[in-house]
Amino acid sequence: MKKMRLTIKMIIFSALCLVNPCLNAQEVSSLDTDFWDKVKIGGGIGVNVGNNFTNIAISPTLYYSLTEEVAVGAGINTTYIKSNTYNSLLYGVSGAVLYNPIETLQLSAEVDQLRANISYDTYLGKNENNFWNTALFLGAGYRVNNFTVGARYNVLNNNNQIYANAWMPFVRVLF
């Protein structure tokens, strides 16, 4: 519990450090814009079904544009995986800061706090593993309008059971 409180404090502190300079950079004219004009929707949906295998993932995210260059986002994540010997449910929240220093470059900092409920069969019997996992991704991508493709790195990766690799490609589309 103490570790989780420290993690939450680190996440909030990091987000405030990233967002604070952006808040001061807003122009007066941007304050006249309607709130919903600055909101964009993104996220991911995935379905993978095969021979005795099911993987369903849903992760909607709302982004709010603070300036032309900076947006902050919050989302929820849910992933369900089932096979003959493995069953998992992952759920949690995420936060992100997107920064576009030039039109074609998008830098991102994303944090995920996930609860993992995993059960699997071994030759010794059934095992369960339930835990919280925090990931902090720093990424960069090539951007064209609302479409970005790039890579991100989990700086907190410690060979856990959720992410197979610290490096991950991503595709981000905002509506």
N, C-alpha and C. Protein backbone atom coordinates (compact mmCIF):
# COMPACT_ATOMS: atom_id res chain seq x y z
N MET A 1 0.84 -1.19 0.00
CA MET A 1 0.00 0.00 0.00
C MET A 1 0.88 1.25 0.00
N LYS A 2 1.99 1.19 0.78
CA LYS A 2 2.88 2.32 0.85
C LYS A 2 3.54 2.59 -0.50
N LYS A 3 3.90 1.50 -1.21
CA LYS A 3 4.50 1.62 -2.53
C LYS A 3 3.53 2.25 -3.52
N MET A 4 2.24 1.87 -3.42
CA MET A 4 1.23 2.41 -4.33
C MET A 4 1.03 3.91 -4.09
N ARG A 5 1.03 4.35 -2.83
CA ARG A 5 0.89 5.78 -2.52
C ARG A 5 2.06 6.57 -3.09
N LEU A 6 3.27 6.01 -2.95
CA LEU A 6 4.46 6.66 -3.49
C LEU A 6 4.37 6.75 -5.01
N THR A 7 3.91 5.69 -5.64
CA THR A 7 3.76 5.66 -7.09
C THR A 7 2.76 6.71 -7.55
N ILE A 8 1.63 6.81 -6.88
CA ILE A 8 0.60 7.80 -7.25
C ILE A 8 1.15 9.21 -7.07
N LYS A 9 1.89 9.46 -5.99
CA LYS A 9 2.49 10.78 -5.79
C LYS A 9 3.50 11.10 -6.89
N MET A 10 4.28 10.11 -7.30
CA MET A 10 5.25 10.32 -8.38
C MET A 10 4.54 10.65 -9.69
N ILE A 11 3.43 9.97 -9.96
CA ILE A 11 2.68 10.20 -11.19
C ILE A 11 2.12 11.62 -11.20
N ILE A 12 1.50 12.03 -10.11
CA ILE A 12 0.91 13.36 -10.02
C ILE A 12 1.99 14.44 -10.13
N PHE A 13 3.11 14.25 -9.43
CA PHE A 13 4.21 15.21 -9.48
C PHE A 13 4.75 15.34 -10.90
N SER A 14 4.94 14.19 -11.59
CA SER A 14 5.46 14.20 -12.96
C SER A 14 4.51 14.92 -13.90
N ALA A 15 3.21 14.65 -13.76
CA ALA A 15 2.22 15.30 -14.62
C ALA A 15 2.21 16.81 -14.39
N LEU A 16 2.29 17.24 -13.14
CA LEU A 16 2.30 18.68 -12.85
C LEU A 16 3.55 19.35 -13.40
N CYS A 17 4.69 18.68 -13.32
CA CYS A 17 5.93 19.24 -13.86
C CYS A 17 5.85 19.39 -15.37
N LEU A 18 5.22 18.43 -16.04
CA LEU A 18 5.11 18.49 -17.49
C LEU A 18 4.07 19.50 -17.95
N VAL A 19 2.99 19.65 -17.20
CA VAL A 19 1.87 20.48 -17.64
C VAL A 19 2.06 21.94 -17.23
N ASN A 20 2.68 22.23 -16.10
CA ASN A 20 2.79 23.58 -15.57
C ASN A 20 3.37 24.58 -16.56
N PRO A 21 4.50 24.30 -17.25
CA PRO A 21 4.98 25.28 -18.22
C PRO A 21 4.00 25.52 -19.36
N CYS A 22 3.23 24.52 -19.71
CA CYS A 22 2.28 24.66 -20.80
C CYS A 22 1.11 25.57 -20.43
N LEU A 23 0.70 25.53 -19.17
CA LEU A 23 -0.43 26.35 -18.74
C LEU A 23 -0.09 27.83 -18.84
N ASN A 24 1.16 28.18 -18.56
CA ASN A 24 1.57 29.57 -18.62
C ASN A 24 1.69 30.06 -20.06
N ALA A 25 1.79 29.15 -21.03
CA ALA A 25 1.99 29.53 -22.41
C ALA A 25 0.69 29.75 -23.18
N GLN A 26 -0.45 29.61 -22.53
CA GLN A 26 -1.72 29.79 -23.24
C GLN A 26 -1.90 31.26 -23.63
N GLU A 27 -2.50 31.44 -24.79
CA GLU A 27 -2.81 32.78 -25.25
C GLU A 27 -4.23 33.13 -24.82
N VAL A 28 -4.51 34.41 -24.68
CA VAL A 28 -5.83 34.86 -24.27
C VAL A 28 -6.88 34.42 -25.28
N SER A 29 -6.54 34.43 -26.57
CA SER A 29 -7.52 34.07 -27.60
C SER A 29 -7.97 32.62 -27.47
N SER A 30 -7.11 31.74 -26.94
CA SER A 30 -7.50 30.34 -26.80
C SER A 30 -8.53 30.16 -25.69
N LEU A 31 -8.64 31.12 -24.78
CA LEU A 31 -9.61 31.01 -23.70
C LEU A 31 -11.04 31.23 -24.21
N ASP A 32 -11.17 31.87 -25.38
CA ASP A 32 -12.49 32.13 -25.95
C ASP A 32 -13.09 30.89 -26.61
N THR A 33 -12.29 29.90 -26.87
CA THR A 33 -12.75 28.70 -27.56
C THR A 33 -13.58 27.84 -26.63
N ASP A 34 -14.60 27.20 -27.19
CA ASP A 34 -15.45 26.31 -26.43
C ASP A 34 -14.65 25.10 -25.92
N PHE A 35 -14.96 24.65 -24.72
CA PHE A 35 -14.25 23.53 -24.10
C PHE A 35 -14.23 22.30 -24.99
N TRP A 36 -15.35 21.91 -25.55
CA TRP A 36 -15.45 20.68 -26.33
C TRP A 36 -14.73 20.76 -27.66
N ASP A 37 -14.44 21.96 -28.14
CA ASP A 37 -13.64 22.10 -29.36
C ASP A 37 -12.20 21.67 -29.13
N LYS A 38 -11.77 21.66 -27.88
CA LYS A 38 -10.39 21.28 -27.54
C LYS A 38 -10.26 19.82 -27.14
N VAL A 39 -11.37 19.09 -27.10
CA VAL A 39 -11.35 17.69 -26.68
C VAL A 39 -11.25 16.78 -27.90
N LYS A 40 -10.35 15.80 -27.82
CA LYS A 40 -10.22 14.79 -28.87
C LYS A 40 -10.32 13.41 -28.24
N ILE A 41 -10.80 12.46 -29.03
CA ILE A 41 -10.98 11.10 -28.55
C ILE A 41 -9.96 10.21 -29.25
N GLY A 42 -9.34 9.34 -28.47
CA GLY A 42 -8.40 8.36 -29.01
C GLY A 42 -8.54 7.07 -28.24
N GLY A 43 -7.54 6.24 -28.34
CA GLY A 43 -7.57 4.99 -27.60
C GLY A 43 -7.36 3.81 -28.52
N GLY A 44 -7.67 2.64 -28.00
CA GLY A 44 -7.47 1.44 -28.78
C GLY A 44 -8.55 0.41 -28.56
N ILE A 45 -8.78 -0.39 -29.60
CA ILE A 45 -9.71 -1.51 -29.54
C ILE A 45 -9.01 -2.67 -30.22
N GLY A 46 -9.01 -3.81 -29.58
CA GLY A 46 -8.38 -4.97 -30.20
C GLY A 46 -9.14 -6.25 -29.90
N VAL A 47 -9.26 -7.10 -30.91
CA VAL A 47 -9.89 -8.41 -30.75
C VAL A 47 -9.02 -9.41 -31.50
N ASN A 48 -8.64 -10.46 -30.81
CA ASN A 48 -7.86 -11.53 -31.41
C ASN A 48 -8.46 -12.84 -30.94
N VAL A 49 -9.04 -13.59 -31.88
CA VAL A 49 -9.69 -14.84 -31.53
C VAL A 49 -9.07 -15.94 -32.40
N GLY A 50 -8.71 -17.04 -31.76
CA GLY A 50 -8.11 -18.15 -32.49
C GLY A 50 -8.50 -19.48 -31.87
N ASN A 51 -7.76 -20.51 -32.19
CA ASN A 51 -7.99 -21.84 -31.68
C ASN A 51 -7.73 -21.88 -30.18
N ASN A 52 -8.78 -21.94 -29.38
CA ASN A 52 -8.69 -21.93 -27.91
C ASN A 52 -7.96 -20.71 -27.37
N PHE A 53 -8.13 -19.55 -28.03
CA PHE A 53 -7.48 -18.32 -27.59
C PHE A 53 -8.40 -17.14 -27.85
N THR A 54 -8.51 -16.25 -26.86
CA THR A 54 -9.30 -15.03 -26.99
C THR A 54 -8.53 -13.89 -26.33
N ASN A 55 -8.45 -12.75 -27.02
CA ASN A 55 -7.83 -11.55 -26.47
C ASN A 55 -8.70 -10.37 -26.88
N ILE A 56 -9.26 -9.67 -25.89
CA ILE A 56 -10.11 -8.51 -26.15
C ILE A 56 -9.54 -7.34 -25.34
N ALA A 57 -9.29 -6.21 -26.02
CA ALA A 57 -8.73 -5.04 -25.34
C ALA A 57 -9.51 -3.79 -25.74
N ILE A 58 -9.83 -2.98 -24.75
CA ILE A 58 -10.52 -1.71 -24.97
C ILE A 58 -9.83 -0.66 -24.10
N SER A 59 -9.43 0.46 -24.71
CA SER A 59 -8.76 1.51 -23.95
C SER A 59 -9.08 2.89 -24.51
N PRO A 60 -10.27 3.42 -24.20
CA PRO A 60 -10.61 4.77 -24.67
C PRO A 60 -9.84 5.84 -23.88
N THR A 61 -9.48 6.92 -24.57
CA THR A 61 -8.76 8.03 -23.96
C THR A 61 -9.31 9.35 -24.47
N LEU A 62 -9.50 10.30 -23.58
CA LEU A 62 -9.89 11.67 -23.94
C LEU A 62 -8.67 12.57 -23.78
N TYR A 63 -8.42 13.40 -24.80
CA TYR A 63 -7.31 14.35 -24.77
C TYR A 63 -7.89 15.76 -24.79
N TYR A 64 -7.26 16.64 -24.03
CA TYR A 64 -7.65 18.05 -24.00
C TYR A 64 -6.46 18.88 -24.45
N SER A 65 -6.64 19.72 -25.46
CA SER A 65 -5.57 20.55 -25.99
C SER A 65 -5.41 21.80 -25.12
N LEU A 66 -4.27 21.90 -24.44
CA LEU A 66 -3.98 23.09 -23.65
C LEU A 66 -3.53 24.23 -24.55
N THR A 67 -2.70 23.90 -25.53
CA THR A 67 -2.23 24.85 -26.53
C THR A 67 -2.20 24.12 -27.87
N GLU A 68 -1.73 24.78 -28.91
CA GLU A 68 -1.57 24.12 -30.21
C GLU A 68 -0.54 22.99 -30.12
N GLU A 69 0.43 23.11 -29.22
CA GLU A 69 1.51 22.13 -29.13
C GLU A 69 1.30 21.07 -28.05
N VAL A 70 0.49 21.33 -27.04
CA VAL A 70 0.41 20.45 -25.87
C VAL A 70 -1.02 19.99 -25.62
N ALA A 71 -1.15 18.68 -25.36
CA ALA A 71 -2.44 18.11 -24.97
C ALA A 71 -2.21 17.15 -23.80
N VAL A 72 -3.19 17.06 -22.91
CA VAL A 72 -3.14 16.10 -21.81
C VAL A 72 -4.32 15.15 -21.98
N GLY A 73 -4.12 13.91 -21.54
CA GLY A 73 -5.17 12.93 -21.71
C GLY A 73 -5.33 12.03 -20.51
N ALA A 74 -6.52 11.44 -20.39
CA ALA A 74 -6.80 10.46 -19.35
C ALA A 74 -7.66 9.36 -19.97
N GLY A 75 -7.42 8.14 -19.53
CA GLY A 75 -8.17 7.04 -20.11
C GLY A 75 -8.31 5.86 -19.16
N ILE A 76 -9.04 4.87 -19.62
CA ILE A 76 -9.19 3.62 -18.88
C ILE A 76 -8.73 2.48 -19.79
N ASN A 77 -8.22 1.42 -19.19
CA ASN A 77 -7.71 0.29 -19.95
C ASN A 77 -8.32 -1.00 -19.43
N THR A 78 -8.71 -1.87 -20.33
CA THR A 78 -9.21 -3.19 -19.97
C THR A 78 -8.74 -4.18 -21.02
N THR A 79 -8.16 -5.29 -20.57
CA THR A 79 -7.72 -6.36 -21.46
C THR A 79 -8.09 -7.69 -20.83
N TYR A 80 -8.70 -8.56 -21.63
CA TYR A 80 -9.06 -9.90 -21.20
C TYR A 80 -8.40 -10.90 -22.13
N ILE A 81 -7.68 -11.87 -21.56
CA ILE A 81 -7.01 -12.91 -22.34
C ILE A 81 -7.36 -14.27 -21.75
N LYS A 82 -7.74 -15.21 -22.62
CA LYS A 82 -8.06 -16.56 -22.17
C LYS A 82 -7.54 -17.58 -23.18
N SER A 83 -6.88 -18.60 -22.65
CA SER A 83 -6.46 -19.74 -23.47
C SER A 83 -6.70 -21.01 -22.65
N ASN A 84 -6.22 -22.13 -23.14
CA ASN A 84 -6.42 -23.40 -22.42
C ASN A 84 -5.83 -23.38 -21.02
N THR A 85 -4.65 -22.80 -20.87
CA THR A 85 -3.94 -22.87 -19.58
C THR A 85 -3.73 -21.51 -18.94
N TYR A 86 -4.23 -20.43 -19.54
CA TYR A 86 -3.93 -19.08 -19.07
C TYR A 86 -5.19 -18.23 -19.13
N ASN A 87 -5.39 -17.40 -18.10
CA ASN A 87 -6.54 -16.51 -18.05
C ASN A 87 -6.10 -15.23 -17.34
N SER A 88 -6.35 -14.07 -17.94
CA SER A 88 -5.96 -12.83 -17.28
C SER A 88 -6.98 -11.72 -17.54
N LEU A 89 -7.10 -10.85 -16.58
CA LEU A 89 -7.90 -9.65 -16.68
C LEU A 89 -7.04 -8.50 -16.19
N LEU A 90 -6.80 -7.52 -17.06
CA LEU A 90 -6.03 -6.33 -16.72
C LEU A 90 -6.97 -5.14 -16.81
N TYR A 91 -6.94 -4.27 -15.82
CA TYR A 91 -7.78 -3.08 -15.87
C TYR A 91 -7.10 -1.97 -15.07
N GLY A 92 -7.35 -0.74 -15.49
CA GLY A 92 -6.74 0.38 -14.78
C GLY A 92 -6.95 1.70 -15.50
N VAL A 93 -6.11 2.66 -15.14
CA VAL A 93 -6.22 4.01 -15.67
C VAL A 93 -4.89 4.42 -16.31
N SER A 94 -4.99 5.45 -17.15
CA SER A 94 -3.78 5.96 -17.79
C SER A 94 -3.88 7.48 -17.91
N GLY A 95 -2.73 8.10 -18.01
CA GLY A 95 -2.63 9.53 -18.22
C GLY A 95 -1.53 9.80 -19.23
N ALA A 96 -1.67 10.88 -20.00
CA ALA A 96 -0.69 11.16 -21.04
C ALA A 96 -0.52 12.65 -21.24
N VAL A 97 0.68 13.01 -21.67
CA VAL A 97 0.97 14.37 -22.12
C VAL A 97 1.58 14.23 -23.51
N LEU A 98 1.00 14.92 -24.48
CA LEU A 98 1.50 14.93 -25.85
C LEU A 98 2.06 16.30 -26.15
N TYR A 99 3.26 16.34 -26.75
CA TYR A 99 3.91 17.61 -27.08
C TYR A 99 4.37 17.56 -28.53
N ASN A 100 3.95 18.55 -29.31
CA ASN A 100 4.30 18.65 -30.72
C ASN A 100 5.20 19.86 -30.93
N PRO A 101 6.53 19.71 -30.76
CA PRO A 101 7.42 20.87 -30.91
C PRO A 101 7.47 21.41 -32.33
N ILE A 102 7.30 20.50 -33.31
CA ILE A 102 7.15 20.89 -34.71
C ILE A 102 5.98 20.08 -35.27
N GLU A 103 5.49 20.46 -36.43
CA GLU A 103 4.27 19.87 -36.96
C GLU A 103 4.34 18.36 -37.14
N THR A 104 5.50 17.82 -37.51
CA THR A 104 5.61 16.39 -37.83
C THR A 104 6.17 15.53 -36.70
N LEU A 105 6.48 16.13 -35.56
CA LEU A 105 7.07 15.37 -34.44
C LEU A 105 6.15 15.44 -33.23
N GLN A 106 5.85 14.28 -32.65
CA GLN A 106 5.06 14.23 -31.42
C GLN A 106 5.85 13.48 -30.35
N LEU A 107 6.10 14.14 -29.23
CA LEU A 107 6.73 13.52 -28.08
C LEU A 107 5.64 13.22 -27.06
N SER A 108 5.79 12.11 -26.34
CA SER A 108 4.74 11.74 -25.40
C SER A 108 5.33 11.18 -24.12
N ALA A 109 4.59 11.39 -23.04
CA ALA A 109 4.87 10.77 -21.74
C ALA A 109 3.53 10.19 -21.29
N GLU A 110 3.51 8.88 -21.06
CA GLU A 110 2.27 8.19 -20.70
C GLU A 110 2.52 7.33 -19.47
N VAL A 111 1.57 7.34 -18.56
CA VAL A 111 1.67 6.50 -17.37
C VAL A 111 0.44 5.61 -17.31
N ASP A 112 0.67 4.33 -17.03
CA ASP A 112 -0.41 3.35 -16.88
C ASP A 112 -0.33 2.75 -15.49
N GLN A 113 -1.44 2.67 -14.81
CA GLN A 113 -1.55 1.97 -13.53
C GLN A 113 -2.56 0.86 -13.73
N LEU A 114 -2.08 -0.38 -13.80
CA LEU A 114 -2.95 -1.52 -14.11
C LEU A 114 -3.00 -2.52 -12.97
N ARG A 115 -4.17 -3.08 -12.78
CA ARG A 115 -4.36 -4.20 -11.87
C ARG A 115 -4.36 -5.46 -12.74
N ALA A 116 -3.55 -6.43 -12.38
CA ALA A 116 -3.47 -7.68 -13.12
C ALA A 116 -4.00 -8.82 -12.26
N ASN A 117 -4.95 -9.55 -12.80
CA ASN A 117 -5.47 -10.77 -12.17
C ASN A 117 -5.19 -11.91 -13.15
N ILE A 118 -4.19 -12.72 -12.83
CA ILE A 118 -3.72 -13.75 -13.74
C ILE A 118 -3.84 -15.11 -13.08
N SER A 119 -4.34 -16.08 -13.83
CA SER A 119 -4.33 -17.47 -13.36
C SER A 119 -3.83 -18.35 -14.50
N TYR A 120 -3.04 -19.36 -14.15
CA TYR A 120 -2.46 -20.23 -15.17
C TYR A 120 -2.22 -21.61 -14.58
N ASP A 121 -2.23 -22.59 -15.46
CA ASP A 121 -2.03 -23.98 -15.07
C ASP A 121 -0.59 -24.40 -15.36
N THR A 122 0.00 -25.12 -14.43
CA THR A 122 1.31 -25.72 -14.63
C THR A 122 1.21 -27.21 -14.31
N TYR A 123 2.27 -27.92 -14.48
CA TYR A 123 2.23 -29.34 -14.15
C TYR A 123 2.07 -29.57 -12.64
N LEU A 124 2.29 -28.53 -11.84
CA LEU A 124 2.10 -28.64 -10.39
C LEU A 124 0.70 -28.22 -9.95
N GLY A 125 -0.11 -27.71 -10.86
CA GLY A 125 -1.46 -27.28 -10.51
C GLY A 125 -1.74 -25.87 -10.97
N LYS A 126 -2.83 -25.32 -10.45
CA LYS A 126 -3.27 -23.97 -10.84
C LYS A 126 -2.59 -22.93 -9.96
N ASN A 127 -2.11 -21.85 -10.58
CA ASN A 127 -1.47 -20.74 -9.88
C ASN A 127 -2.22 -19.45 -10.18
N GLU A 128 -2.18 -18.54 -9.22
CA GLU A 128 -2.78 -17.22 -9.40
C GLU A 128 -1.76 -16.17 -9.02
N ASN A 129 -1.81 -15.07 -9.73
CA ASN A 129 -0.92 -13.95 -9.46
C ASN A 129 -1.72 -12.67 -9.66
N ASN A 130 -1.96 -11.92 -8.60
CA ASN A 130 -2.71 -10.68 -8.64
C ASN A 130 -1.81 -9.56 -8.13
N PHE A 131 -1.65 -8.50 -8.92
CA PHE A 131 -0.73 -7.44 -8.54
C PHE A 131 -1.07 -6.15 -9.28
N TRP A 132 -0.49 -5.06 -8.81
CA TRP A 132 -0.58 -3.76 -9.48
C TRP A 132 0.71 -3.56 -10.27
N ASN A 133 0.59 -2.93 -11.43
CA ASN A 133 1.76 -2.66 -12.27
C ASN A 133 1.71 -1.21 -12.75
N THR A 134 2.82 -0.52 -12.61
CA THR A 134 2.93 0.86 -13.10
C THR A 134 3.92 0.89 -14.25
N ALA A 135 3.54 1.57 -15.32
CA ALA A 135 4.43 1.74 -16.47
C ALA A 135 4.50 3.23 -16.80
N LEU A 136 5.70 3.69 -17.13
CA LEU A 136 5.91 5.07 -17.57
C LEU A 136 6.58 5.01 -18.93
N PHE A 137 5.83 5.38 -19.96
CA PHE A 137 6.31 5.32 -21.33
C PHE A 137 6.74 6.70 -21.81
N LEU A 138 7.93 6.79 -22.37
CA LEU A 138 8.39 8.00 -23.05
C LEU A 138 8.50 7.64 -24.53
N GLY A 139 7.89 8.45 -25.39
CA GLY A 139 7.85 8.08 -26.79
C GLY A 139 8.03 9.24 -27.74
N ALA A 140 8.24 8.89 -28.99
CA ALA A 140 8.36 9.87 -30.07
C ALA A 140 7.74 9.25 -31.32
N GLY A 141 7.10 10.12 -32.11
CA GLY A 141 6.46 9.60 -33.32
C GLY A 141 6.40 10.63 -34.42
N TYR A 142 6.21 10.13 -35.62
CA TYR A 142 6.01 10.96 -36.80
C TYR A 142 4.52 11.26 -36.91
N ARG A 143 4.16 12.54 -37.01
CA ARG A 143 2.76 12.95 -36.98
C ARG A 143 2.35 13.62 -38.28
N VAL A 144 1.16 13.22 -38.77
CA VAL A 144 0.51 13.88 -39.90
C VAL A 144 -0.93 14.12 -39.46
N ASN A 145 -1.28 15.39 -39.26
CA ASN A 145 -2.60 15.79 -38.76
C ASN A 145 -2.91 15.07 -37.45
N ASN A 146 -3.95 14.23 -37.41
CA ASN A 146 -4.33 13.54 -36.18
C ASN A 146 -3.82 12.10 -36.12
N PHE A 147 -2.87 11.75 -36.96
CA PHE A 147 -2.33 10.39 -37.05
C PHE A 147 -0.85 10.42 -36.69
N THR A 148 -0.44 9.57 -35.73
CA THR A 148 0.96 9.49 -35.32
C THR A 148 1.39 8.03 -35.26
N VAL A 149 2.57 7.73 -35.78
CA VAL A 149 3.16 6.41 -35.66
C VAL A 149 4.57 6.58 -35.08
N GLY A 150 4.90 5.72 -34.11
CA GLY A 150 6.20 5.87 -33.46
C GLY A 150 6.53 4.72 -32.53
N ALA A 151 7.42 5.00 -31.60
CA ALA A 151 7.85 4.00 -30.61
C ALA A 151 7.91 4.66 -29.25
N ARG A 152 7.70 3.84 -28.22
CA ARG A 152 7.77 4.32 -26.85
C ARG A 152 8.55 3.33 -26.01
N TYR A 153 9.13 3.82 -24.92
CA TYR A 153 9.97 3.00 -24.06
C TYR A 153 9.44 3.07 -22.63
N ASN A 154 9.25 1.92 -22.01
CA ASN A 154 8.79 1.85 -20.62
C ASN A 154 10.01 1.97 -19.70
N VAL A 155 10.20 3.15 -19.12
CA VAL A 155 11.39 3.37 -18.28
C VAL A 155 11.30 2.63 -16.94
N LEU A 156 10.11 2.15 -16.57
CA LEU A 156 9.95 1.39 -15.33
C LEU A 156 9.93 -0.12 -15.56
N ASN A 157 10.22 -0.55 -16.79
CA ASN A 157 10.15 -1.97 -17.11
C ASN A 157 11.15 -2.76 -16.27
N ASN A 158 10.66 -3.82 -15.64
CA ASN A 158 11.53 -4.67 -14.83
C ASN A 158 11.22 -6.14 -15.11
N ASN A 159 11.05 -6.46 -16.39
CA ASN A 159 10.75 -7.83 -16.82
C ASN A 159 9.53 -8.40 -16.11
N ASN A 160 8.47 -7.61 -16.05
CA ASN A 160 7.25 -8.06 -15.39
C ASN A 160 6.43 -8.95 -16.32
N GLN A 161 5.29 -9.39 -15.83
CA GLN A 161 4.45 -10.32 -16.58
C GLN A 161 3.48 -9.63 -17.53
N ILE A 162 3.42 -8.32 -17.55
CA ILE A 162 2.46 -7.63 -18.41
C ILE A 162 3.08 -7.27 -19.76
N TYR A 163 4.24 -6.64 -19.75
CA TYR A 163 4.86 -6.20 -20.98
C TYR A 163 6.06 -7.10 -21.29
N ALA A 164 6.09 -7.66 -22.48
CA ALA A 164 7.17 -8.57 -22.86
C ALA A 164 8.47 -7.83 -23.13
N ASN A 165 8.38 -6.54 -23.49
CA ASN A 165 9.55 -5.79 -23.86
C ASN A 165 9.36 -4.34 -23.43
N ALA A 166 10.44 -3.65 -23.10
CA ALA A 166 10.34 -2.24 -22.71
C ALA A 166 10.02 -1.35 -23.91
N TRP A 167 10.44 -1.73 -25.12
CA TRP A 167 10.16 -0.98 -26.33
C TRP A 167 8.84 -1.44 -26.94
N MET A 168 8.02 -0.48 -27.35
CA MET A 168 6.74 -0.81 -27.98
C MET A 168 6.45 0.17 -29.11
N PRO A 169 6.05 -0.34 -30.27
CA PRO A 169 5.58 0.57 -31.31
C PRO A 169 4.17 1.05 -30.97
N PHE A 170 3.76 2.17 -31.55
CA PHE A 170 2.39 2.64 -31.33
C PHE A 170 1.87 3.35 -32.57
N VAL A 171 0.56 3.33 -32.69
CA VAL A 171 -0.16 4.12 -33.69
C VAL A 171 -1.23 4.86 -32.93
N ARG A 172 -1.27 6.18 -33.08
CA ARG A 172 -2.24 7.01 -32.36
C ARG A 172 -3.08 7.79 -33.36
N VAL A 173 -4.39 7.65 -33.27
CA VAL A 173 -5.32 8.40 -34.11
C VAL A 173 -6.28 9.13 -33.18
N LEU A 174 -6.41 10.43 -33.38
CA LEU A 174 -7.31 11.25 -32.55
C LEU A 174 -8.43 11.80 -33.43
N PHE A 175 -9.63 11.76 -32.87
CA PHE A 175 -10.80 12.28 -33.58
C PHE A 175 -11.35 13.51 -32.91
